[in-house]
Amino acid sequence: MKKDIILCGVGGQGILSIATVIGEAAVRAGLFIKQAEVHGMSQRGGDVQSHLRLSTEPVWSDLIPRGEADIIISMEPMEALRYLPCLSKDGAVVTASSPFVNIPDYPPMEALDAEYDRLPNAVRVDIESIARESGNPKGANMALLGAAAPYLEILSPEQLGDAVKAVFSSKGDAVVEANLKTLGL
C-alpha cells in the first residue's frame, strides 16, 4: 500500500507541523517515507508545500509525479487548487474553507467554491472554528489533519495521535492534550 500526499498552505499556518506529525507516525508504523519540502518559512504568507510519500514498499523518489497524488491537504483553499494537476483522478482534496488573503488580487470565494464543486472528492472544513471550539485556537492545522485522517488510510487516527504526543511532548502535557483534542482524539 502507498499514499502520496501533498500538503500546502502559506507560511506560518502549520503545514510543516502536519508533515512532521505524519512523518513521525509513518516512521513509528515502520513505513517507508520520502519527503520533499519547498517553503519560505521566514516570510510569513509565502507558499509552503511538502510532498510526503508513504508506502509499505521502498519509495525511490521524494517528488510525487503529476497526476499521482492520492490526497491534497491544504490550510488554504486557493493553494490547494494550485496543486490540482498533481492529483490522481480518484484523489481527494481536504482543505480549509476560509481563505488566507495574502495577495491583492485574491479571487472571490464564489470562484473558489465553484472550482471545488466541480471536484469529485473535495472536503472543505472550517478548521478555525473547530480549533476555537476545542479550546486550541492556534491548532487549526491539527483540525485539518483530523479532517484528513480518514483519507490517509495507511495510518490510523491512533497512530497520528501517538505521533502528536511524540512531536509535541517537549511543549508540555497541556499542548499535547490540546492538539489531541483538536485532532479529534
N, C-alpha and C. Protein backbone atom coordinates (compact mmCIF):
# COMPACT_ATOMS: atom_id res chain seq x y z
N MET A 1 0.84 -1.17 0.00
CA MET A 1 0.00 0.00 0.00
C MET A 1 0.89 1.23 0.00
N LYS A 2 0.44 2.28 -0.68
CA LYS A 2 1.16 3.54 -0.66
C LYS A 2 0.17 4.69 -0.60
N LYS A 3 0.66 5.82 -0.13
CA LYS A 3 -0.15 7.02 -0.08
C LYS A 3 0.74 8.20 -0.40
N ASP A 4 0.42 8.91 -1.48
CA ASP A 4 1.15 10.10 -1.88
C ASP A 4 0.33 11.32 -1.47
N ILE A 5 0.94 12.19 -0.66
CA ILE A 5 0.24 13.30 -0.03
C ILE A 5 0.95 14.60 -0.37
N ILE A 6 0.18 15.59 -0.79
CA ILE A 6 0.70 16.94 -0.93
C ILE A 6 0.07 17.79 0.17
N LEU A 7 0.92 18.42 0.95
CA LEU A 7 0.48 19.35 1.99
C LEU A 7 0.80 20.75 1.47
N CYS A 8 -0.14 21.68 1.64
CA CYS A 8 0.14 23.03 1.16
C CYS A 8 -0.59 24.07 1.98
N GLY A 9 -0.12 25.29 1.85
CA GLY A 9 -0.69 26.43 2.54
C GLY A 9 0.24 27.60 2.38
N VAL A 10 0.20 28.50 3.34
CA VAL A 10 1.10 29.64 3.33
C VAL A 10 1.89 29.64 4.62
N GLY A 11 3.03 30.34 4.60
CA GLY A 11 3.92 30.34 5.74
C GLY A 11 3.25 30.75 7.03
N GLY A 12 3.53 30.02 8.08
CA GLY A 12 3.01 30.33 9.40
C GLY A 12 1.73 29.61 9.76
N GLN A 13 1.19 28.81 8.85
CA GLN A 13 -0.08 28.13 9.12
C GLN A 13 0.08 26.76 9.79
N GLY A 14 1.27 26.20 9.80
CA GLY A 14 1.48 24.92 10.46
C GLY A 14 1.56 23.73 9.54
N ILE A 15 1.78 23.96 8.25
CA ILE A 15 1.90 22.86 7.29
C ILE A 15 3.07 21.95 7.66
N LEU A 16 4.19 22.54 8.03
CA LEU A 16 5.35 21.70 8.34
C LEU A 16 5.14 20.90 9.62
N SER A 17 4.32 21.40 10.53
CA SER A 17 3.97 20.62 11.72
C SER A 17 3.12 19.41 11.34
N ILE A 18 2.19 19.61 10.40
CA ILE A 18 1.40 18.47 9.91
C ILE A 18 2.33 17.43 9.28
N ALA A 19 3.27 17.89 8.45
CA ALA A 19 4.21 16.98 7.81
C ALA A 19 5.03 16.22 8.85
N THR A 20 5.44 16.91 9.91
CA THR A 20 6.22 16.27 10.96
C THR A 20 5.41 15.20 11.67
N VAL A 21 4.15 15.49 11.97
CA VAL A 21 3.30 14.50 12.64
C VAL A 21 3.08 13.29 11.75
N ILE A 22 2.74 13.50 10.49
CA ILE A 22 2.53 12.37 9.58
C ILE A 22 3.82 11.57 9.42
N GLY A 23 4.94 12.27 9.28
CA GLY A 23 6.23 11.59 9.14
C GLY A 23 6.57 10.77 10.37
N GLU A 24 6.34 11.32 11.54
CA GLU A 24 6.60 10.59 12.79
C GLU A 24 5.72 9.35 12.87
N ALA A 25 4.45 9.50 12.53
CA ALA A 25 3.53 8.35 12.56
C ALA A 25 3.98 7.28 11.58
N ALA A 26 4.44 7.69 10.41
CA ALA A 26 4.89 6.73 9.40
C ALA A 26 6.13 5.97 9.87
N VAL A 27 7.07 6.68 10.44
CA VAL A 27 8.29 6.03 10.94
C VAL A 27 7.94 5.04 12.05
N ARG A 28 7.08 5.45 12.98
CA ARG A 28 6.67 4.57 14.08
C ARG A 28 5.93 3.34 13.56
N ALA A 29 5.22 3.50 12.42
CA ALA A 29 4.48 2.38 11.84
C ALA A 29 5.37 1.47 10.99
N GLY A 30 6.63 1.85 10.84
CA GLY A 30 7.56 1.04 10.05
C GLY A 30 7.38 1.20 8.54
N LEU A 31 6.78 2.31 8.14
CA LEU A 31 6.57 2.55 6.71
C LEU A 31 7.82 3.17 6.09
N PHE A 32 7.94 3.01 4.79
CA PHE A 32 8.95 3.74 4.04
C PHE A 32 8.40 5.14 3.81
N ILE A 33 9.26 6.14 3.90
CA ILE A 33 8.81 7.52 3.72
C ILE A 33 9.85 8.32 2.97
N LYS A 34 9.37 9.14 2.09
CA LYS A 34 10.19 10.16 1.41
C LYS A 34 9.44 11.47 1.56
N GLN A 35 10.20 12.53 1.79
CA GLN A 35 9.58 13.85 1.95
C GLN A 35 10.42 14.89 1.24
N ALA A 36 9.73 15.76 0.52
CA ALA A 36 10.37 16.91 -0.11
C ALA A 36 9.58 18.14 0.28
N GLU A 37 10.29 19.19 0.66
CA GLU A 37 9.63 20.42 1.07
C GLU A 37 10.12 21.60 0.25
N VAL A 38 9.23 22.50 -0.02
CA VAL A 38 9.56 23.79 -0.59
C VAL A 38 8.86 24.80 0.30
N HIS A 39 9.62 25.64 0.94
CA HIS A 39 8.96 26.58 1.84
C HIS A 39 9.78 27.84 2.01
N GLY A 40 9.10 28.90 2.38
CA GLY A 40 9.71 30.17 2.71
C GLY A 40 9.29 30.54 4.11
N MET A 41 9.70 29.73 5.08
CA MET A 41 9.22 29.91 6.45
C MET A 41 9.54 31.29 7.01
N SER A 42 10.64 31.91 6.56
CA SER A 42 10.99 33.20 7.13
C SER A 42 10.06 34.30 6.65
N GLN A 43 9.36 34.07 5.56
CA GLN A 43 8.41 35.08 5.09
C GLN A 43 7.00 34.55 5.25
N ARG A 44 6.37 34.97 6.30
CA ARG A 44 5.00 34.52 6.54
C ARG A 44 4.14 34.96 5.38
N GLY A 45 3.28 34.06 4.96
CA GLY A 45 2.39 34.36 3.85
C GLY A 45 2.91 33.82 2.53
N GLY A 46 4.16 33.30 2.49
CA GLY A 46 4.70 32.71 1.27
C GLY A 46 4.22 31.28 1.10
N ASP A 47 4.29 30.78 -0.11
CA ASP A 47 3.87 29.42 -0.44
C ASP A 47 4.67 28.41 0.37
N VAL A 48 3.97 27.46 0.97
CA VAL A 48 4.60 26.35 1.68
C VAL A 48 3.96 25.07 1.17
N GLN A 49 4.79 24.12 0.79
CA GLN A 49 4.26 22.84 0.38
C GLN A 49 5.24 21.75 0.73
N SER A 50 4.70 20.56 0.87
CA SER A 50 5.51 19.40 1.19
C SER A 50 4.93 18.19 0.48
N HIS A 51 5.78 17.40 -0.13
CA HIS A 51 5.37 16.11 -0.71
C HIS A 51 5.74 15.04 0.30
N LEU A 52 4.79 14.20 0.65
CA LEU A 52 5.03 13.05 1.52
C LEU A 52 4.63 11.80 0.77
N ARG A 53 5.54 10.86 0.71
CA ARG A 53 5.26 9.58 0.05
C ARG A 53 5.45 8.49 1.09
N LEU A 54 4.36 7.82 1.44
CA LEU A 54 4.37 6.76 2.44
C LEU A 54 4.04 5.44 1.76
N SER A 55 4.73 4.38 2.15
CA SER A 55 4.49 3.10 1.49
C SER A 55 4.97 1.94 2.35
N THR A 56 4.35 0.79 2.09
CA THR A 56 4.82 -0.44 2.71
C THR A 56 6.01 -1.02 1.94
N GLU A 57 6.25 -0.48 0.76
CA GLU A 57 7.38 -0.89 -0.09
C GLU A 57 8.34 0.30 -0.25
N PRO A 58 9.58 0.06 -0.64
CA PRO A 58 10.52 1.18 -0.82
C PRO A 58 9.98 2.23 -1.81
N VAL A 59 10.28 3.48 -1.50
CA VAL A 59 9.90 4.62 -2.34
C VAL A 59 11.20 5.21 -2.88
N TRP A 60 11.27 5.42 -4.18
CA TRP A 60 12.54 5.83 -4.77
C TRP A 60 12.66 7.33 -4.98
N SER A 61 11.58 8.03 -5.15
CA SER A 61 11.63 9.47 -5.40
C SER A 61 10.87 10.20 -4.31
N ASP A 62 11.35 11.39 -3.96
CA ASP A 62 10.64 12.16 -2.95
C ASP A 62 9.58 13.08 -3.56
N LEU A 63 9.57 13.24 -4.86
CA LEU A 63 8.56 14.07 -5.52
C LEU A 63 7.44 13.22 -6.09
N ILE A 64 6.23 13.70 -5.93
CA ILE A 64 5.05 12.99 -6.43
C ILE A 64 4.87 13.36 -7.89
N PRO A 65 4.81 12.37 -8.78
CA PRO A 65 4.61 12.69 -10.20
C PRO A 65 3.25 13.34 -10.45
N ARG A 66 3.19 14.11 -11.48
CA ARG A 66 1.94 14.77 -11.90
C ARG A 66 0.85 13.71 -12.06
N GLY A 67 -0.31 14.00 -11.50
CA GLY A 67 -1.45 13.10 -11.62
C GLY A 67 -1.41 11.89 -10.70
N GLU A 68 -0.51 11.87 -9.71
CA GLU A 68 -0.34 10.69 -8.86
C GLU A 68 -0.68 10.92 -7.38
N ALA A 69 -0.93 12.16 -6.97
CA ALA A 69 -1.20 12.42 -5.55
C ALA A 69 -2.54 11.80 -5.15
N ASP A 70 -2.53 11.10 -4.04
CA ASP A 70 -3.77 10.49 -3.52
C ASP A 70 -4.60 11.50 -2.75
N ILE A 71 -3.92 12.46 -2.14
CA ILE A 71 -4.63 13.46 -1.34
C ILE A 71 -3.84 14.77 -1.31
N ILE A 72 -4.58 15.86 -1.38
CA ILE A 72 -4.02 17.19 -1.16
C ILE A 72 -4.65 17.68 0.14
N ILE A 73 -3.81 18.02 1.09
CA ILE A 73 -4.26 18.55 2.38
C ILE A 73 -3.79 20.00 2.42
N SER A 74 -4.74 20.93 2.50
CA SER A 74 -4.37 22.33 2.37
C SER A 74 -4.96 23.21 3.47
N MET A 75 -4.12 24.04 4.03
CA MET A 75 -4.55 25.01 5.03
C MET A 75 -5.20 26.22 4.37
N GLU A 76 -5.14 26.31 3.06
CA GLU A 76 -5.62 27.50 2.35
C GLU A 76 -6.30 27.06 1.06
N PRO A 77 -7.55 27.46 0.81
CA PRO A 77 -8.30 26.91 -0.33
C PRO A 77 -7.71 27.22 -1.71
N MET A 78 -7.17 28.40 -1.92
CA MET A 78 -6.59 28.70 -3.23
C MET A 78 -5.31 27.91 -3.47
N GLU A 79 -4.53 27.70 -2.41
CA GLU A 79 -3.29 26.94 -2.54
C GLU A 79 -3.57 25.50 -2.99
N ALA A 80 -4.62 24.90 -2.49
CA ALA A 80 -4.95 23.53 -2.90
C ALA A 80 -5.22 23.46 -4.39
N LEU A 81 -5.91 24.47 -4.92
CA LEU A 81 -6.23 24.48 -6.35
C LEU A 81 -4.97 24.55 -7.21
N ARG A 82 -3.93 25.17 -6.70
CA ARG A 82 -2.66 25.28 -7.42
C ARG A 82 -2.08 23.89 -7.72
N TYR A 83 -2.35 22.92 -6.84
CA TYR A 83 -1.76 21.59 -6.97
C TYR A 83 -2.68 20.55 -7.59
N LEU A 84 -3.84 20.97 -8.10
CA LEU A 84 -4.76 20.01 -8.72
C LEU A 84 -4.14 19.21 -9.87
N PRO A 85 -3.23 19.76 -10.67
CA PRO A 85 -2.60 18.92 -11.70
C PRO A 85 -1.84 17.72 -11.14
N CYS A 86 -1.49 17.78 -9.88
CA CYS A 86 -0.78 16.66 -9.24
C CYS A 86 -1.73 15.57 -8.75
N LEU A 87 -3.01 15.88 -8.62
CA LEU A 87 -3.98 14.96 -8.02
C LEU A 87 -4.37 13.84 -8.98
N SER A 88 -4.44 12.62 -8.46
CA SER A 88 -4.89 11.49 -9.27
C SER A 88 -6.38 11.62 -9.54
N LYS A 89 -6.88 10.90 -10.53
CA LYS A 89 -8.30 11.02 -10.89
C LYS A 89 -9.21 10.58 -9.75
N ASP A 90 -8.73 9.71 -8.87
CA ASP A 90 -9.52 9.25 -7.72
C ASP A 90 -9.10 9.93 -6.42
N GLY A 91 -8.23 10.94 -6.52
CA GLY A 91 -7.69 11.59 -5.34
C GLY A 91 -8.70 12.49 -4.64
N ALA A 92 -8.36 12.86 -3.42
CA ALA A 92 -9.22 13.70 -2.59
C ALA A 92 -8.48 14.99 -2.23
N VAL A 93 -9.27 16.04 -2.02
CA VAL A 93 -8.75 17.31 -1.51
C VAL A 93 -9.46 17.59 -0.19
N VAL A 94 -8.67 17.84 0.84
CA VAL A 94 -9.21 18.26 2.13
C VAL A 94 -8.57 19.61 2.41
N THR A 95 -9.42 20.65 2.50
CA THR A 95 -8.89 22.00 2.64
C THR A 95 -9.67 22.81 3.66
N ALA A 96 -9.01 23.83 4.16
CA ALA A 96 -9.68 24.82 4.99
C ALA A 96 -10.71 25.53 4.14
N SER A 97 -11.82 25.90 4.73
CA SER A 97 -12.86 26.61 3.97
C SER A 97 -12.64 28.11 3.94
N SER A 98 -11.85 28.63 4.88
CA SER A 98 -11.63 30.08 4.95
C SER A 98 -10.30 30.44 4.31
N PRO A 99 -10.30 31.50 3.51
CA PRO A 99 -9.06 31.90 2.85
C PRO A 99 -8.11 32.65 3.77
N PHE A 100 -6.86 32.62 3.40
CA PHE A 100 -5.84 33.47 3.99
C PHE A 100 -5.47 34.44 2.87
N VAL A 101 -6.10 35.58 2.87
CA VAL A 101 -5.94 36.53 1.76
C VAL A 101 -4.61 37.26 1.93
N ASN A 102 -3.64 36.86 1.12
CA ASN A 102 -2.29 37.40 1.24
C ASN A 102 -1.81 38.08 -0.05
N ILE A 103 -2.71 38.22 -1.02
CA ILE A 103 -2.37 38.89 -2.27
C ILE A 103 -3.50 39.84 -2.63
N PRO A 104 -3.20 40.93 -3.33
CA PRO A 104 -4.24 41.91 -3.63
C PRO A 104 -5.32 41.42 -4.60
N ASP A 105 -5.00 40.49 -5.46
CA ASP A 105 -5.98 40.02 -6.44
C ASP A 105 -6.51 38.62 -6.10
N TYR A 106 -6.66 38.36 -4.80
CA TYR A 106 -7.19 37.07 -4.36
C TYR A 106 -8.59 36.91 -4.97
N PRO A 107 -8.86 35.75 -5.57
CA PRO A 107 -10.16 35.57 -6.22
C PRO A 107 -11.32 35.54 -5.21
N PRO A 108 -12.51 35.89 -5.66
CA PRO A 108 -13.67 35.81 -4.76
C PRO A 108 -13.93 34.36 -4.35
N MET A 109 -14.43 34.18 -3.14
CA MET A 109 -14.70 32.83 -2.63
C MET A 109 -15.69 32.08 -3.52
N GLU A 110 -16.59 32.79 -4.16
CA GLU A 110 -17.55 32.13 -5.05
C GLU A 110 -16.81 31.39 -6.17
N ALA A 111 -15.74 32.01 -6.69
CA ALA A 111 -14.96 31.37 -7.76
C ALA A 111 -14.25 30.12 -7.24
N LEU A 112 -13.70 30.22 -6.04
CA LEU A 112 -13.04 29.05 -5.46
C LEU A 112 -14.06 27.94 -5.17
N ASP A 113 -15.21 28.33 -4.62
CA ASP A 113 -16.26 27.35 -4.34
C ASP A 113 -16.71 26.64 -5.61
N ALA A 114 -16.80 27.36 -6.71
CA ALA A 114 -17.20 26.76 -7.99
C ALA A 114 -16.17 25.71 -8.43
N GLU A 115 -14.89 26.01 -8.22
CA GLU A 115 -13.84 25.04 -8.56
C GLU A 115 -13.97 23.78 -7.70
N TYR A 116 -14.20 23.96 -6.41
CA TYR A 116 -14.34 22.81 -5.52
C TYR A 116 -15.59 22.01 -5.83
N ASP A 117 -16.67 22.68 -6.22
CA ASP A 117 -17.90 21.97 -6.56
C ASP A 117 -17.74 21.06 -7.77
N ARG A 118 -16.76 21.36 -8.62
CA ARG A 118 -16.51 20.52 -9.80
C ARG A 118 -15.68 19.28 -9.48
N LEU A 119 -15.05 19.26 -8.33
CA LEU A 119 -14.19 18.13 -7.97
C LEU A 119 -15.03 16.98 -7.43
N PRO A 120 -14.69 15.74 -7.80
CA PRO A 120 -15.48 14.59 -7.34
C PRO A 120 -15.29 14.26 -5.86
N ASN A 121 -14.15 14.65 -5.28
CA ASN A 121 -13.87 14.25 -3.90
C ASN A 121 -13.14 15.39 -3.17
N ALA A 122 -13.90 16.41 -2.79
CA ALA A 122 -13.32 17.56 -2.10
C ALA A 122 -14.10 17.84 -0.83
N VAL A 123 -13.36 18.10 0.24
CA VAL A 123 -13.95 18.41 1.54
C VAL A 123 -13.40 19.75 1.99
N ARG A 124 -14.29 20.67 2.29
CA ARG A 124 -13.90 21.97 2.85
C ARG A 124 -14.32 21.99 4.31
N VAL A 125 -13.39 22.38 5.18
CA VAL A 125 -13.61 22.29 6.61
C VAL A 125 -13.31 23.64 7.27
N ASP A 126 -14.19 24.05 8.16
CA ASP A 126 -13.97 25.28 8.93
C ASP A 126 -13.04 24.95 10.09
N ILE A 127 -11.76 24.85 9.78
CA ILE A 127 -10.78 24.41 10.77
C ILE A 127 -10.57 25.43 11.88
N GLU A 128 -10.74 26.70 11.57
CA GLU A 128 -10.58 27.72 12.61
C GLU A 128 -11.65 27.56 13.68
N SER A 129 -12.89 27.29 13.28
CA SER A 129 -13.97 27.09 14.25
C SER A 129 -13.73 25.83 15.08
N ILE A 130 -13.29 24.76 14.42
CA ILE A 130 -13.01 23.52 15.15
C ILE A 130 -11.93 23.77 16.20
N ALA A 131 -10.89 24.49 15.80
CA ALA A 131 -9.80 24.77 16.74
C ALA A 131 -10.28 25.62 17.91
N ARG A 132 -11.06 26.66 17.62
CA ARG A 132 -11.59 27.52 18.70
C ARG A 132 -12.50 26.72 19.63
N GLU A 133 -13.40 25.93 19.04
CA GLU A 133 -14.35 25.15 19.84
C GLU A 133 -13.66 24.10 20.71
N SER A 134 -12.51 23.63 20.27
CA SER A 134 -11.78 22.64 21.07
C SER A 134 -10.90 23.31 22.13
N GLY A 135 -10.92 24.65 22.16
CA GLY A 135 -10.11 25.37 23.14
C GLY A 135 -8.66 25.54 22.73
N ASN A 136 -8.37 25.34 21.44
CA ASN A 136 -7.00 25.40 20.93
C ASN A 136 -6.97 26.29 19.69
N PRO A 137 -7.17 27.61 19.85
CA PRO A 137 -7.30 28.49 18.68
C PRO A 137 -6.09 28.49 17.74
N LYS A 138 -4.93 28.08 18.23
CA LYS A 138 -3.75 28.01 17.36
C LYS A 138 -3.61 26.64 16.70
N GLY A 139 -4.57 25.76 16.90
CA GLY A 139 -4.46 24.38 16.43
C GLY A 139 -5.24 24.08 15.16
N ALA A 140 -5.47 25.07 14.31
CA ALA A 140 -6.22 24.82 13.07
C ALA A 140 -5.55 23.74 12.22
N ASN A 141 -4.22 23.66 12.26
CA ASN A 141 -3.54 22.63 11.47
C ASN A 141 -3.88 21.23 11.98
N MET A 142 -4.04 21.08 13.29
CA MET A 142 -4.41 19.77 13.82
C MET A 142 -5.87 19.45 13.49
N ALA A 143 -6.72 20.47 13.42
CA ALA A 143 -8.11 20.26 12.99
C ALA A 143 -8.13 19.77 11.55
N LEU A 144 -7.28 20.34 10.71
CA LEU A 144 -7.20 19.91 9.31
C LEU A 144 -6.69 18.48 9.21
N LEU A 145 -5.66 18.15 9.99
CA LEU A 145 -5.15 16.78 9.99
C LEU A 145 -6.22 15.80 10.44
N GLY A 146 -7.00 16.17 11.44
CA GLY A 146 -8.10 15.32 11.89
C GLY A 146 -9.13 15.09 10.80
N ALA A 147 -9.44 16.14 10.03
CA ALA A 147 -10.39 16.02 8.93
C ALA A 147 -9.84 15.15 7.80
N ALA A 148 -8.53 15.20 7.61
CA ALA A 148 -7.89 14.42 6.54
C ALA A 148 -7.60 12.98 6.93
N ALA A 149 -7.61 12.69 8.22
CA ALA A 149 -7.23 11.35 8.71
C ALA A 149 -7.95 10.21 8.01
N PRO A 150 -9.27 10.28 7.76
CA PRO A 150 -9.94 9.16 7.10
C PRO A 150 -9.43 8.89 5.68
N TYR A 151 -8.85 9.89 5.06
CA TYR A 151 -8.35 9.73 3.69
C TYR A 151 -6.92 9.20 3.65
N LEU A 152 -6.23 9.25 4.76
CA LEU A 152 -4.84 8.78 4.78
C LEU A 152 -4.75 7.27 4.65
N GLU A 153 -5.66 6.55 5.26
CA GLU A 153 -5.81 5.10 5.18
C GLU A 153 -4.58 4.29 5.58
N ILE A 154 -3.40 4.70 5.22
CA ILE A 154 -2.19 3.95 5.54
C ILE A 154 -1.79 4.15 7.01
N LEU A 155 -2.35 5.20 7.64
CA LEU A 155 -2.12 5.48 9.05
C LEU A 155 -3.47 5.62 9.75
N SER A 156 -3.56 5.08 10.94
CA SER A 156 -4.80 5.19 11.71
C SER A 156 -4.81 6.50 12.50
N PRO A 157 -6.00 6.95 12.90
CA PRO A 157 -6.06 8.12 13.78
C PRO A 157 -5.25 7.92 15.08
N GLU A 158 -5.25 6.71 15.60
CA GLU A 158 -4.49 6.42 16.81
C GLU A 158 -2.99 6.59 16.57
N GLN A 159 -2.51 6.15 15.41
CA GLN A 159 -1.09 6.34 15.09
C GLN A 159 -0.76 7.82 14.96
N LEU A 160 -1.67 8.60 14.38
CA LEU A 160 -1.46 10.04 14.30
C LEU A 160 -1.44 10.65 15.70
N GLY A 161 -2.33 10.18 16.57
CA GLY A 161 -2.36 10.66 17.95
C GLY A 161 -1.06 10.37 18.69
N ASP A 162 -0.53 9.17 18.52
CA ASP A 162 0.75 8.83 19.15
C ASP A 162 1.87 9.73 18.63
N ALA A 163 1.81 10.06 17.33
CA ALA A 163 2.82 10.94 16.75
C ALA A 163 2.69 12.36 17.31
N VAL A 164 1.46 12.82 17.50
CA VAL A 164 1.24 14.14 18.11
C VAL A 164 1.87 14.17 19.50
N LYS A 165 1.68 13.11 20.26
CA LYS A 165 2.28 13.03 21.61
C LYS A 165 3.80 13.14 21.53
N ALA A 166 4.40 12.43 20.58
CA ALA A 166 5.86 12.45 20.45
C ALA A 166 6.37 13.80 19.96
N VAL A 167 5.71 14.37 18.96
CA VAL A 167 6.18 15.62 18.36
C VAL A 167 6.04 16.79 19.33
N PHE A 168 4.95 16.84 20.07
CA PHE A 168 4.68 18.00 20.93
C PHE A 168 5.03 17.77 22.39
N SER A 169 5.60 16.62 22.75
CA SER A 169 5.86 16.31 24.15
C SER A 169 6.78 17.34 24.82
N SER A 170 7.71 17.89 24.08
CA SER A 170 8.64 18.86 24.68
C SER A 170 7.95 20.18 25.04
N LYS A 171 6.74 20.38 24.54
CA LYS A 171 6.00 21.61 24.84
C LYS A 171 5.08 21.46 26.05
N GLY A 172 5.02 20.26 26.60
CA GLY A 172 4.25 20.04 27.81
C GLY A 172 2.93 19.33 27.56
N ASP A 173 2.41 18.76 28.64
CA ASP A 173 1.18 17.97 28.56
C ASP A 173 -0.02 18.77 28.08
N ALA A 174 -0.11 20.05 28.47
CA ALA A 174 -1.26 20.87 28.07
C ALA A 174 -1.30 21.05 26.55
N VAL A 175 -0.16 21.27 25.93
CA VAL A 175 -0.10 21.43 24.48
C VAL A 175 -0.43 20.12 23.78
N VAL A 176 0.10 19.03 24.30
CA VAL A 176 -0.19 17.71 23.73
C VAL A 176 -1.69 17.44 23.80
N GLU A 177 -2.28 17.62 24.96
CA GLU A 177 -3.72 17.35 25.13
C GLU A 177 -4.57 18.26 24.26
N ALA A 178 -4.20 19.53 24.14
CA ALA A 178 -4.95 20.46 23.29
C ALA A 178 -4.90 20.02 21.83
N ASN A 179 -3.72 19.59 21.38
CA ASN A 179 -3.60 19.14 19.98
C ASN A 179 -4.35 17.84 19.74
N LEU A 180 -4.33 16.94 20.70
CA LEU A 180 -5.09 15.69 20.55
C LEU A 180 -6.59 15.98 20.47
N LYS A 181 -7.05 16.87 21.32
CA LYS A 181 -8.47 17.23 21.31
C LYS A 181 -8.86 17.86 19.97
N THR A 182 -8.03 18.75 19.46
CA THR A 182 -8.30 19.41 18.19
C THR A 182 -8.24 18.40 17.03
N LEU A 183 -7.35 17.43 17.14
CA LEU A 183 -7.25 16.36 16.14
C LEU A 183 -8.50 15.49 16.13
N GLY A 184 -9.21 15.49 17.24
CA GLY A 184 -10.43 14.69 17.33
C GLY A 184 -10.26 13.41 18.11
N LEU A 185 -9.18 13.33 18.89
CA LEU A 185 -8.91 12.13 19.69
C LEU A 185 -9.12 12.41 21.17
